[in-house]
Amino acid sequence: MVQLIVGEKGKGKTKQLLDKVNGQVKDIEGSIVYLDKSTKHMFELNNKVRLIDVSQYVIENSSEFIGFVCGILSQDHDLQQMYFDSFLKIAVLDVAEMEQAVNKLAKLSEKFGVDFILSVSCNESVLPESLKSMVIVSL
């Protein structure tokens, strides 16, 4: 399953994402990975969550980002959830290209049983219609 937390920059999406991931740690048997554009939130995450600073890797487009995610999936067979903070930045996307990337994540989710929770800096009204049903929080 793919879920979206959407809202303009500065509305509190990261706090929502951090609250959600830290709340899930005690209920999940497998592992959790949190992808971010820096290590700024390292101390706000439960120590059972694996933080990956995507800016340390040379990711130049959305295809490379999806390949990066596949690499993580291939290495951790107990992975149950992945959280993406600042999804558009770490995936090197704009809102117009987002639908294709999210659809690929949905296929990966179905195939490997991993849930993806994305924080997206945009207003819900500009999302493609097919993605609006995935919104769990709109700020």
Protein backbone atom coordinates (compact mmCIF):
# COMPACT_ATOMS: atom_id res chain seq x y z
CA MET A 1 0.00 0.00 0.00
CA VAL A 2 1.13 3.54 -0.70
CA GLN A 3 -0.06 6.36 1.55
CA LEU A 4 0.48 10.09 1.13
CA ILE A 5 0.83 12.90 3.64
CA VAL A 6 0.41 16.10 1.62
CA GLY A 7 0.57 19.83 2.28
CA GLU A 8 2.50 22.94 1.46
CA LYS A 9 6.04 23.42 2.77
CA GLY A 10 6.13 24.20 6.49
CA LYS A 11 2.69 22.78 7.34
CA GLY A 12 3.94 19.93 9.59
CA LYS A 13 4.15 16.93 7.26
CA THR A 14 7.47 15.76 8.73
CA LYS A 15 6.05 15.81 12.26
CA GLN A 16 3.09 13.72 11.06
CA LEU A 17 5.48 11.28 9.37
CA LEU A 18 7.73 11.02 12.44
CA ASP A 19 4.74 10.48 14.73
CA LYS A 20 3.43 7.75 12.43
CA VAL A 21 6.75 5.89 12.13
CA ASN A 22 7.49 6.08 15.86
CA GLY A 23 3.95 4.86 16.63
CA GLN A 24 4.34 1.88 14.30
CA VAL A 25 7.63 0.63 15.77
CA LYS A 26 5.99 -1.25 18.64
CA ASP A 27 3.30 -2.83 16.41
CA ILE A 28 5.53 -4.07 13.58
CA GLU A 29 7.49 -7.31 13.68
CA GLY A 30 9.68 -6.58 10.66
CA SER A 31 11.98 -3.67 9.96
CA ILE A 32 11.29 -0.04 9.05
CA VAL A 33 13.38 2.24 6.84
CA TYR A 34 13.10 6.05 6.80
CA LEU A 35 14.52 7.88 3.78
CA ASP A 36 15.28 11.57 4.17
CA LYS A 37 17.31 14.30 2.48
CA SER A 38 19.56 14.67 5.57
CA THR A 39 20.20 13.18 9.03
CA LYS A 40 18.50 16.15 10.72
CA HIS A 41 15.73 13.99 12.25
CA MET A 42 18.01 11.18 13.44
CA PHE A 43 17.36 11.82 17.12
CA GLU A 44 13.59 12.13 16.64
CA LEU A 45 13.35 8.59 15.24
CA ASN A 46 13.11 5.47 17.37
CA ASN A 47 16.47 3.66 17.30
CA LYS A 48 14.81 0.61 15.70
CA VAL A 49 14.15 2.62 12.54
CA ARG A 50 16.92 2.65 9.94
CA LEU A 51 17.51 6.18 8.67
CA ILE A 52 19.05 6.57 5.23
CA ASP A 53 20.29 9.99 4.10
CA VAL A 54 19.53 9.85 0.37
CA SER A 55 21.65 12.94 -0.34
CA GLN A 56 24.77 10.81 0.23
CA TYR A 57 24.00 8.82 -2.93
CA VAL A 58 24.19 10.07 -6.49
CA ILE A 59 20.51 9.93 -7.45
CA GLU A 60 19.79 12.13 -10.44
CA ASN A 61 16.29 11.09 -11.54
CA SER A 62 13.23 9.15 -10.46
CA SER A 63 14.31 5.93 -12.21
CA GLU A 64 17.52 5.90 -10.21
CA PHE A 65 15.51 6.53 -7.05
CA ILE A 66 13.22 3.56 -7.77
CA GLY A 67 16.34 1.45 -8.38
CA PHE A 68 17.72 2.64 -5.03
CA VAL A 69 14.49 1.56 -3.31
CA CYS A 70 14.66 -1.82 -5.07
CA GLY A 71 18.21 -2.26 -3.78
CA ILE A 72 16.99 -1.68 -0.23
CA LEU A 73 14.11 -4.14 -0.76
CA SER A 74 16.50 -6.79 -2.07
CA GLN A 75 18.71 -6.58 1.01
CA ASP A 76 16.06 -6.75 3.74
CA HIS A 77 13.53 -9.57 3.50
CA ASP A 78 11.93 -8.53 6.82
CA LEU A 79 11.19 -5.00 5.61
CA GLN A 80 7.57 -4.03 6.29
CA GLN A 81 7.45 -0.25 5.93
CA MET A 82 9.38 2.51 4.22
CA TYR A 83 8.85 6.18 4.99
CA PHE A 84 9.91 8.86 2.50
CA ASP A 85 10.27 12.39 3.87
CA SER A 86 10.41 15.16 1.23
CA PHE A 87 9.46 12.60 -1.42
CA LEU A 88 9.61 14.98 -4.38
CA LYS A 89 13.15 16.07 -3.47
CA ILE A 90 14.64 12.67 -2.65
CA ALA A 91 13.02 11.05 -5.71
CA VAL A 92 14.06 13.97 -7.97
CA LEU A 93 10.50 14.57 -9.16
CA ASP A 94 7.96 17.29 -9.64
CA VAL A 95 4.23 16.83 -9.06
CA ALA A 96 3.58 16.23 -12.78
CA GLU A 97 5.92 13.19 -12.79
CA MET A 98 4.79 11.84 -9.44
CA GLU A 99 1.99 9.57 -10.65
CA GLN A 100 4.30 7.24 -12.57
CA ALA A 101 6.74 6.89 -9.65
CA VAL A 102 3.95 6.26 -7.13
CA ASN A 103 2.45 3.61 -9.43
CA LYS A 104 5.84 1.84 -9.52
CA LEU A 105 5.99 1.98 -5.72
CA ALA A 106 2.47 0.51 -5.57
CA LYS A 107 3.61 -2.43 -7.73
CA LEU A 108 6.65 -2.97 -5.49
CA SER A 109 4.41 -2.77 -2.43
CA GLU A 110 2.11 -5.44 -3.79
CA LYS A 111 4.94 -7.73 -4.88
CA PHE A 112 7.07 -7.50 -1.71
CA GLY A 113 4.46 -6.71 0.95
CA VAL A 114 6.07 -3.41 1.96
CA ASP A 115 4.02 -0.32 2.80
CA PHE A 116 5.28 3.05 1.54
CA ILE A 117 4.33 6.24 3.38
CA LEU A 118 5.32 9.43 1.56
CA SER A 119 5.41 13.04 2.66
CA VAL A 120 4.76 15.27 -0.38
CA SER A 121 5.12 19.05 -0.48
CA CYS A 122 2.10 20.04 -2.51
CA ASN A 123 -1.53 20.85 -1.98
CA GLU A 124 -3.93 17.92 -2.35
CA SER A 125 -5.83 19.83 -5.05
CA VAL A 126 -2.86 19.63 -7.49
CA LEU A 127 -2.41 15.87 -7.14
CA PRO A 128 -3.39 13.68 -10.08
CA GLU A 129 -6.88 12.28 -9.52
CA SER A 130 -5.59 8.69 -9.30
CA LEU A 131 -3.44 9.56 -6.27
CA LYS A 132 -6.05 11.40 -4.18
CA SER A 133 -7.43 8.17 -2.71
CA MET A 134 -3.97 7.46 -1.23
CA VAL A 135 -3.96 10.66 0.88
CA ILE A 136 -4.15 9.89 4.62
CA VAL A 137 -3.31 13.40 5.88
CA SER A 138 -3.84 16.69 4.06
CA LEU A 139 -2.43 19.81 5.74
